[in-house]
PDB file of N, CA and C in Angstrom:
ATOM      1  N   UNK A   1     -11.437  25.942 -38.263  1.00  0.00           N
ATOM      2  CA  UNK A   1     -11.704  27.317 -37.792  1.00  0.00           C
ATOM      3  C   UNK A   1     -11.310  28.382 -38.556  1.00  0.00           C
ATOM      4  N   UNK A   2     -12.191  29.515 -38.541  1.00  0.00           N
ATOM      5  CA  UNK A   2     -11.704  30.660 -39.259  1.00  0.00           C
ATOM      6  C   UNK A   2     -11.936  31.895 -38.365  1.00  0.00           C
ATOM      7  N   UNK A   3     -10.921  32.690 -38.358  1.00  0.00           N
ATOM      8  CA  UNK A   3     -11.187  34.008 -37.564  1.00  0.00           C
ATOM      9  C   UNK A   3     -11.100  35.265 -38.431  1.00  0.00           C
ATOM     10  N   UNK A   4     -11.112  34.867 -39.795  1.00  0.00           N
ATOM     11  CA  UNK A   4     -11.129  36.005 -40.597  1.00  0.00           C
ATOM     12  C   UNK A   4     -12.162  36.103 -41.901  1.00  0.00           C
ATOM     13  N   UNK A   5     -13.343  35.549 -41.325  1.00  0.00           N
ATOM     14  CA  UNK A   5     -14.516  35.424 -42.195  1.00  0.00           C
ATOM     15  C   UNK A   5     -14.327  34.475 -43.421  1.00  0.00           C
ATOM     16  N   UNK A   6     -13.747  33.275 -43.308  1.00  0.00           N
ATOM     17  CA  UNK A   6     -13.598  32.071 -44.142  1.00  0.00           C
ATOM     18  C   UNK A   6     -12.416  32.457 -45.311  1.00  0.00           C
ATOM     19  N   UNK A   7     -11.585  33.422 -44.968  1.00  0.00           N
ATOM     20  CA  UNK A   7     -10.606  33.686 -45.884  1.00  0.00           C
ATOM     21  C   UNK A   7      -9.367  32.566 -45.731  1.00  0.00           C
ATOM     22  N   UNK A   8      -9.223  32.184 -44.436  1.00  0.00           N
ATOM     23  CA  UNK A   8      -8.384  31.141 -44.305  1.00  0.00           C
ATOM     24  C   UNK A   8      -8.916  30.143 -43.131  1.00  0.00           C
ATOM     25  N   UNK A   9      -8.636  28.823 -43.230  1.00  0.00           N
ATOM     26  CA  UNK A   9      -9.216  27.858 -42.375  1.00  0.00           C
ATOM     27  C   UNK A   9      -8.023  27.233 -41.586  1.00  0.00           C
ATOM     28  N   UNK A  10      -8.234  26.816 -40.366  1.00  0.00           N
ATOM     29  CA  UNK A  10      -7.021  26.490 -39.612  1.00  0.00           C
ATOM     30  C   UNK A  10      -7.747  25.093 -38.952  1.00  0.00           C
ATOM     31  N   UNK A  11      -7.107  24.000 -38.767  1.00  0.00           N
ATOM     32  CA  UNK A  11      -7.695  22.874 -38.068  1.00  0.00           C
ATOM     33  C   UNK A  11      -7.660  22.800 -36.580  1.00  0.00           C
ATOM     34  N   UNK A  12      -8.525  22.468 -36.034  1.00  0.00           N
ATOM     35  CA  UNK A  12      -8.826  22.522 -34.541  1.00  0.00           C
ATOM     36  C   UNK A  12      -8.410  21.171 -33.971  1.00  0.00           C
ATOM     37  N   UNK A  13      -7.915  20.977 -32.809  1.00  0.00           N
ATOM     38  CA  UNK A  13      -7.615  19.806 -32.153  1.00  0.00           C
ATOM     39  C   UNK A  13      -9.095  18.997 -31.994  1.00  0.00           C
ATOM     40  N   UNK A  14      -8.906  17.530 -32.116  1.00  0.00           N
ATOM     41  CA  UNK A  14     -10.137  16.869 -31.916  1.00  0.00           C
ATOM     42  C   UNK A  14      -9.790  15.515 -31.189  1.00  0.00           C
ATOM     43  N   UNK A  15     -10.623  15.199 -30.255  1.00  0.00           N
ATOM     44  CA  UNK A  15     -10.513  13.827 -29.834  1.00  0.00           C
ATOM     45  C   UNK A  15     -10.744  12.714 -30.648  1.00  0.00           C
ATOM     46  N   UNK A  16     -10.517  11.446 -30.420  1.00  0.00           N
ATOM     47  CA  UNK A  16     -10.824  10.457 -31.468  1.00  0.00           C
ATOM     48  C   UNK A  16     -11.897   9.615 -30.910  1.00  0.00           C
ATOM     49  N   UNK A  17     -13.083   9.665 -31.473  1.00  0.00           N
ATOM     50  CA  UNK A  17     -14.194   9.011 -30.927  1.00  0.00           C
ATOM     51  C   UNK A  17     -14.141   7.479 -31.314  1.00  0.00           C
ATOM     52  N   UNK A  18     -14.778   6.730 -30.510  1.00  0.00           N
ATOM     53  CA  UNK A  18     -14.554   5.168 -30.517  1.00  0.00           C
ATOM     54  C   UNK A  18     -15.280   4.744 -31.869  1.00  0.00           C
ATOM     55  N   UNK A  19     -16.443   5.184 -32.017  1.00  0.00           N
ATOM     56  CA  UNK A  19     -17.359   4.904 -33.163  1.00  0.00           C
ATOM     57  C   UNK A  19     -17.437   5.855 -34.352  1.00  0.00           C
ATOM     58  N   UNK A  20     -17.668   5.551 -35.659  1.00  0.00           N
ATOM     59  CA  UNK A  20     -17.558   6.467 -36.652  1.00  0.00           C
ATOM     60  C   UNK A  20     -18.452   7.450 -36.490  1.00  0.00           C
ATOM     61  N   UNK A  21     -19.805   7.422 -35.980  1.00  0.00           N
ATOM     62  CA  UNK A  21     -20.814   8.502 -35.861  1.00  0.00           C
ATOM     63  C   UNK A  21     -20.902   8.949 -34.513  1.00  0.00           C
ATOM     64  N   UNK A  22     -19.918   8.787 -33.699  1.00  0.00           N
ATOM     65  CA  UNK A  22     -20.051   9.239 -32.305  1.00  0.00           C
ATOM     66  C   UNK A  22     -19.651  10.638 -32.189  1.00  0.00           C
ATOM     67  N   UNK A  23     -20.429  11.376 -31.351  1.00  0.00           N
ATOM     68  CA  UNK A  23     -19.974  12.921 -31.092  1.00  0.00           C
ATOM     69  C   UNK A  23     -18.614  12.933 -30.763  1.00  0.00           C
ATOM     70  N   UNK A  24     -17.938  14.078 -31.046  1.00  0.00           N
ATOM     71  CA  UNK A  24     -16.544  14.278 -30.705  1.00  0.00           C
ATOM     72  C   UNK A  24     -16.340  15.754 -30.293  1.00  0.00           C
ATOM     73  N   UNK A  25     -15.415  15.995 -29.489  1.00  0.00           N
ATOM     74  CA  UNK A  25     -15.058  17.143 -28.669  1.00  0.00           C
ATOM     75  C   UNK A  25     -13.927  17.718 -29.516  1.00  0.00           C
ATOM     76  N   UNK A  26     -13.772  19.147 -29.660  1.00  0.00           N
ATOM     77  CA  UNK A  26     -12.770  19.695 -30.209  1.00  0.00           C
ATOM     78  C   UNK A  26     -12.398  21.087 -29.485  1.00  0.00           C
ATOM     79  N   UNK A  27     -11.241  21.658 -29.876  1.00  0.00           N
ATOM     80  CA  UNK A  27     -10.770  22.794 -29.278  1.00  0.00           C
ATOM     81  C   UNK A  27      -9.899  23.572 -30.254  1.00  0.00           C
ATOM     82  N   UNK A  28     -10.007  24.761 -30.217  1.00  0.00           N
ATOM     83  CA  UNK A  28      -9.149  25.602 -30.870  1.00  0.00           C
ATOM     84  C   UNK A  28      -8.585  26.698 -30.207  1.00  0.00           C
ATOM     85  N   UNK A  29      -7.205  26.748 -30.005  1.00  0.00           N
ATOM     86  CA  UNK A  29      -6.588  27.837 -29.147  1.00  0.00           C
ATOM     87  C   UNK A  29      -6.404  28.971 -29.953  1.00  0.00           C
ATOM     88  N   UNK A  30      -6.905  30.244 -29.508  1.00  0.00           N
ATOM     89  CA  UNK A  30      -6.935  31.361 -30.200  1.00  0.00           C
ATOM     90  C   UNK A  30      -6.585  32.428 -29.306  1.00  0.00           C
ATOM     91  N   UNK A  31      -5.510  33.453 -29.613  1.00  0.00           N
ATOM     92  CA  UNK A  31      -5.258  34.332 -28.685  1.00  0.00           C
ATOM     93  C   UNK A  31      -5.374  35.724 -29.636  1.00  0.00           C
ATOM     94  N   UNK A  32      -6.385  36.490 -29.088  1.00  0.00           N
ATOM     95  CA  UNK A  32      -6.852  37.841 -30.026  1.00  0.00           C
ATOM     96  C   UNK A  32      -5.778  38.796 -29.492  1.00  0.00           C
ATOM     97  N   UNK A  33      -5.279  39.735 -30.449  1.00  0.00           N
ATOM     98  CA  UNK A  33      -4.435  40.680 -30.206  1.00  0.00           C
ATOM     99  C   UNK A  33      -5.001  42.193 -29.459  1.00  0.00           C
ATOM    100  N   UNK A  34      -6.353  42.127 -29.687  1.00  0.00           N
ATOM    101  CA  UNK A  34      -6.937  43.309 -29.164  1.00  0.00           C
ATOM    102  C   UNK A  34      -8.371  42.992 -28.657  1.00  0.00           C
ATOM    103  N   UNK A  35      -8.697  43.915 -27.868  1.00  0.00           N
ATOM    104  CA  UNK A  35     -10.234  43.770 -27.417  1.00  0.00           C
ATOM    105  C   UNK A  35     -11.217  44.033 -28.501  1.00  0.00           C
ATOM    106  N   UNK A  36     -12.343  43.403 -28.462  1.00  0.00           N
ATOM    107  CA  UNK A  36     -13.303  43.760 -29.305  1.00  0.00           C
ATOM    108  C   UNK A  36     -14.390  42.571 -29.506  1.00  0.00           C
ATOM    109  N   UNK A  37     -15.316  42.731 -30.534  1.00  0.00           N
ATOM    110  CA  UNK A  37     -16.004  41.663 -30.764  1.00  0.00           C
ATOM    111  C   UNK A  37     -15.717  40.880 -32.226  1.00  0.00           C
ATOM    112  N   UNK A  38     -15.622  39.568 -32.085  1.00  0.00           N
ATOM    113  CA  UNK A  38     -15.262  38.829 -33.180  1.00  0.00           C
ATOM    114  C   UNK A  38     -16.329  37.685 -33.586  1.00  0.00           C
ATOM    115  N   UNK A  39     -16.257  37.221 -34.709  1.00  0.00           N
ATOM    116  CA  UNK A  39     -17.042  35.961 -35.233  1.00  0.00           C
ATOM    117  C   UNK A  39     -16.113  34.864 -35.565  1.00  0.00           C
ATOM    118  N   UNK A  40     -16.246  33.974 -34.953  1.00  0.00           N
ATOM    119  CA  UNK A  40     -15.268  32.728 -35.316  1.00  0.00           C
ATOM    120  C   UNK A  40     -16.370  31.701 -36.108  1.00  0.00           C
ATOM    121  N   UNK A  41     -15.721  31.163 -37.092  1.00  0.00           N
ATOM    122  CA  UNK A  41     -16.488  30.209 -37.896  1.00  0.00           C
ATOM    123  C   UNK A  41     -16.013  28.737 -37.645  1.00  0.00           C
ATOM    124  N   UNK A  42     -16.710  27.840 -37.599  1.00  0.00           N
ATOM    125  CA  UNK A  42     -16.259  26.516 -37.323  1.00  0.00           C
ATOM    126  C   UNK A  42     -17.285  25.695 -38.453  1.00  0.00           C
ATOM    127  N   UNK A  43     -16.369  24.666 -39.023  1.00  0.00           N
ATOM    128  CA  UNK A  43     -17.150  23.728 -39.866  1.00  0.00           C
ATOM    129  C   UNK A  43     -16.464  22.346 -39.804  1.00  0.00           C
ATOM    130  N   UNK A  44     -17.067  21.354 -40.116  1.00  0.00           N
ATOM    131  CA  UNK A  44     -16.523  19.951 -40.083  1.00  0.00           C
ATOM    132  C   UNK A  44     -16.430  19.507 -41.592  1.00  0.00           C
ATOM    133  N   UNK A  45     -15.281  18.891 -41.994  1.00  0.00           N
ATOM    134  CA  UNK A  45     -14.941  18.483 -43.166  1.00  0.00           C
ATOM    135  C   UNK A  45     -14.500  17.042 -43.109  1.00  0.00           C
ATOM    136  N   UNK A  46     -14.696  16.251 -44.249  1.00  0.00           N
ATOM    137  CA  UNK A  46     -14.153  14.744 -44.339  1.00  0.00           C
ATOM    138  C   UNK A  46     -12.576  14.799 -44.410  1.00  0.00           C
ATOM    139  N   UNK A  47     -11.897  13.835 -44.448  1.00  0.00           N
ATOM    140  CA  UNK A  47     -10.539  13.717 -44.793  1.00  0.00           C
ATOM    141  C   UNK A  47     -10.260  14.283 -46.291  1.00  0.00           C
ATOM    142  N   UNK A  48     -11.164  14.194 -47.046  1.00  0.00           N
ATOM    143  CA  UNK A  48     -10.966  14.743 -48.446  1.00  0.00           C
ATOM    144  C   UNK A  48     -11.372  16.189 -48.489  1.00  0.00           C
ATOM    145  N   UNK A  49     -11.799  16.794 -47.459  1.00  0.00           N
ATOM    146  CA  UNK A  49     -12.354  18.269 -47.321  1.00  0.00           C
ATOM    147  C   UNK A  49     -13.563  18.490 -48.025  1.00  0.00           C
ATOM    148  N   UNK A  50     -14.308  17.532 -48.111  1.00  0.00           N
ATOM    149  CA  UNK A  50     -15.546  17.546 -48.866  1.00  0.00           C
ATOM    150  C   UNK A  50     -16.752  18.229 -47.989  1.00  0.00           C
ATOM    151  N   UNK A  51     -16.861  19.482 -47.968  1.00  0.00           N
ATOM    152  CA  UNK A  51     -17.758  20.295 -47.214  1.00  0.00           C
ATOM    153  C   UNK A  51     -18.139  21.473 -47.889  1.00  0.00           C
ATOM    154  N   UNK A  52     -19.441  21.833 -48.189  1.00  0.00           N
ATOM    155  CA  UNK A  52     -19.823  23.145 -48.676  1.00  0.00           C
ATOM    156  C   UNK A  52     -19.669  24.230 -47.754  1.00  0.00           C
ATOM    157  N   UNK A  53     -19.250  25.451 -48.122  1.00  0.00           N
ATOM    158  CA  UNK A  53     -19.212  26.542 -47.161  1.00  0.00           C
ATOM    159  C   UNK A  53     -20.411  27.203 -47.022  1.00  0.00           C
ATOM    160  N   UNK A  54     -21.243  27.416 -48.062  1.00  0.00           N
ATOM    161  CA  UNK A  54     -22.516  28.206 -47.942  1.00  0.00           C
ATOM    162  C   UNK A  54     -23.639  27.211 -47.658  1.00  0.00           C
ATOM    163  N   UNK A  55     -24.596  27.670 -46.874  1.00  0.00           N
ATOM    164  CA  UNK A  55     -25.643  26.849 -46.420  1.00  0.00           C
ATOM    165  C   UNK A  55     -26.829  27.075 -47.373  1.00  0.00           C
ATOM    166  N   UNK A  56     -27.327  26.198 -48.085  1.00  0.00           N
ATOM    167  CA  UNK A  56     -28.319  26.338 -49.170  1.00  0.00           C
ATOM    168  C   UNK A  56     -29.671  26.639 -48.606  1.00  0.00           C
ATOM    169  N   UNK A  57     -30.030  26.216 -47.201  1.00  0.00           N
ATOM    170  CA  UNK A  57     -31.201  26.504 -46.850  1.00  0.00           C
ATOM    171  C   UNK A  57     -30.980  26.926 -45.382  1.00  0.00           C
ATOM    172  N   UNK A  58     -30.755  28.148 -45.029  1.00  0.00           N
ATOM    173  CA  UNK A  58     -30.346  28.600 -43.675  1.00  0.00           C
ATOM    174  C   UNK A  58     -31.542  28.540 -42.623  1.00  0.00           C
ATOM    175  N   UNK A  59     -32.559  28.323 -43.086  1.00  0.00           N
ATOM    176  CA  UNK A  59     -33.819  28.173 -42.164  1.00  0.00           C
ATOM    177  C   UNK A  59     -34.133  26.786 -41.617  1.00  0.00           C
ATOM    178  N   UNK A  60     -33.354  25.832 -42.209  1.00  0.00           N
ATOM    179  CA  UNK A  60     -33.846  24.517 -41.956  1.00  0.00           C
ATOM    180  C   UNK A  60     -33.092  23.955 -40.627  1.00  0.00           C
ATOM    181  N   UNK A  61     -32.420  24.729 -40.106  1.00  0.00           N
ATOM    182  CA  UNK A  61     -31.533  24.255 -38.772  1.00  0.00           C
ATOM    183  C   UNK A  61     -30.325  23.462 -38.982  1.00  0.00           C
ATOM    184  N   UNK A  62     -29.899  23.242 -40.001  1.00  0.00           N
ATOM    185  CA  UNK A  62     -28.620  22.331 -40.442  1.00  0.00           C
ATOM    186  C   UNK A  62     -27.557  23.109 -40.981  1.00  0.00           C
ATOM    187  N   UNK A  63     -27.137  24.306 -40.570  1.00  0.00           N
ATOM    188  CA  UNK A  63     -26.226  25.069 -41.101  1.00  0.00           C
ATOM    189  C   UNK A  63     -24.925  24.364 -41.187  1.00  0.00           C
ATOM    190  N   UNK A  64     -24.022  24.547 -42.089  1.00  0.00           N
ATOM    191  CA  UNK A  64     -22.978  23.747 -42.364  1.00  0.00           C
ATOM    192  C   UNK A  64     -21.694  24.570 -41.777  1.00  0.00           C
ATOM    193  N   UNK A  65     -21.921  25.863 -41.448  1.00  0.00           N
ATOM    194  CA  UNK A  65     -20.847  26.542 -40.745  1.00  0.00           C
ATOM    195  C   UNK A  65     -21.462  27.197 -39.619  1.00  0.00           C
ATOM    196  N   UNK A  66     -20.761  26.896 -38.451  1.00  0.00           N
ATOM    197  CA  UNK A  66     -21.343  27.610 -36.977  1.00  0.00           C
ATOM    198  C   UNK A  66     -20.554  28.832 -36.853  1.00  0.00           C
ATOM    199  N   UNK A  67     -21.369  29.809 -36.546  1.00  0.00           N
ATOM    200  CA  UNK A  67     -20.850  31.120 -36.240  1.00  0.00           C
ATOM    201  C   UNK A  67     -20.799  31.294 -34.771  1.00  0.00           C
ATOM    202  N   UNK A  68     -19.684  31.745 -34.359  1.00  0.00           N
ATOM    203  CA  UNK A  68     -19.627  31.849 -32.881  1.00  0.00           C
ATOM    204  C   UNK A  68     -19.271  33.260 -32.533  1.00  0.00           C
ATOM    205  N   UNK A  69     -20.035  34.102 -31.937  1.00  0.00           N
ATOM    206  CA  UNK A  69     -19.801  35.448 -31.529  1.00  0.00           C
ATOM    207  C   UNK A  69     -19.266  35.482 -30.211  1.00  0.00           C
ATOM    208  N   UNK A  70     -18.101  36.216 -30.164  1.00  0.00           N
ATOM    209  CA  UNK A  70     -17.359  36.320 -28.863  1.00  0.00           C
ATOM    210  C   UNK A  70     -17.060  37.809 -28.631  1.00  0.00           C
ATOM    211  N   UNK A  71     -16.944  38.305 -27.442  1.00  0.00           N
ATOM    212  CA  UNK A  71     -16.550  39.527 -27.017  1.00  0.00           C
ATOM    213  C   UNK A  71     -15.276  39.468 -26.266  1.00  0.00           C
ATOM    214  N   UNK A  72     -14.351  40.154 -26.531  1.00  0.00           N
ATOM    215  CA  UNK A  72     -12.916  40.239 -25.686  1.00  0.00           C
ATOM    216  C   UNK A  72     -12.788  41.602 -25.013  1.00  0.00           C
ATOM    217  N   UNK A  73     -12.428  41.459 -23.753  1.00  0.00           N
ATOM    218  CA  UNK A  73     -12.301  42.660 -23.113  1.00  0.00           C
ATOM    219  C   UNK A  73     -11.161  42.633 -22.232  1.00  0.00           C
ATOM    220  N   UNK A  74     -10.434  43.737 -21.823  1.00  0.00           N
ATOM    221  CA  UNK A  74      -9.601  43.792 -21.011  1.00  0.00           C
ATOM    222  C   UNK A  74      -8.200  43.010 -21.178  1.00  0.00           C
ATOM    223  N   UNK A  75      -7.688  43.174 -22.364  1.00  0.00           N
ATOM    224  CA  UNK A  75      -6.452  42.573 -22.803  1.00  0.00           C
ATOM    225  C   UNK A  75      -5.348  43.473 -22.249  1.00  0.00           C
ATOM    226  N   UNK A  76      -4.157  42.917 -21.842  1.00  0.00           N
ATOM    227  CA  UNK A  76      -3.110  43.661 -21.282  1.00  0.00           C
ATOM    228  C   UNK A  76      -1.812  43.194 -22.084  1.00  0.00           C
TER     229      UNK A  76
END
């Protein structure tokens, strides 16, 4: 996961699927410091971190980086 436009990546928690190609669930605990709009980036990498950051064909529906837009309001 990246919360700073891919300048730094952090590892999310992931469950262990029973089969190699099985869907997996993951979570990333993030505590924003202030209200506002944020873009979180998520990507999957192999154990050797073989994953391209840029999507060569963004119109084919297979983006390598998932952009998640969030709005945070009312922090105390």
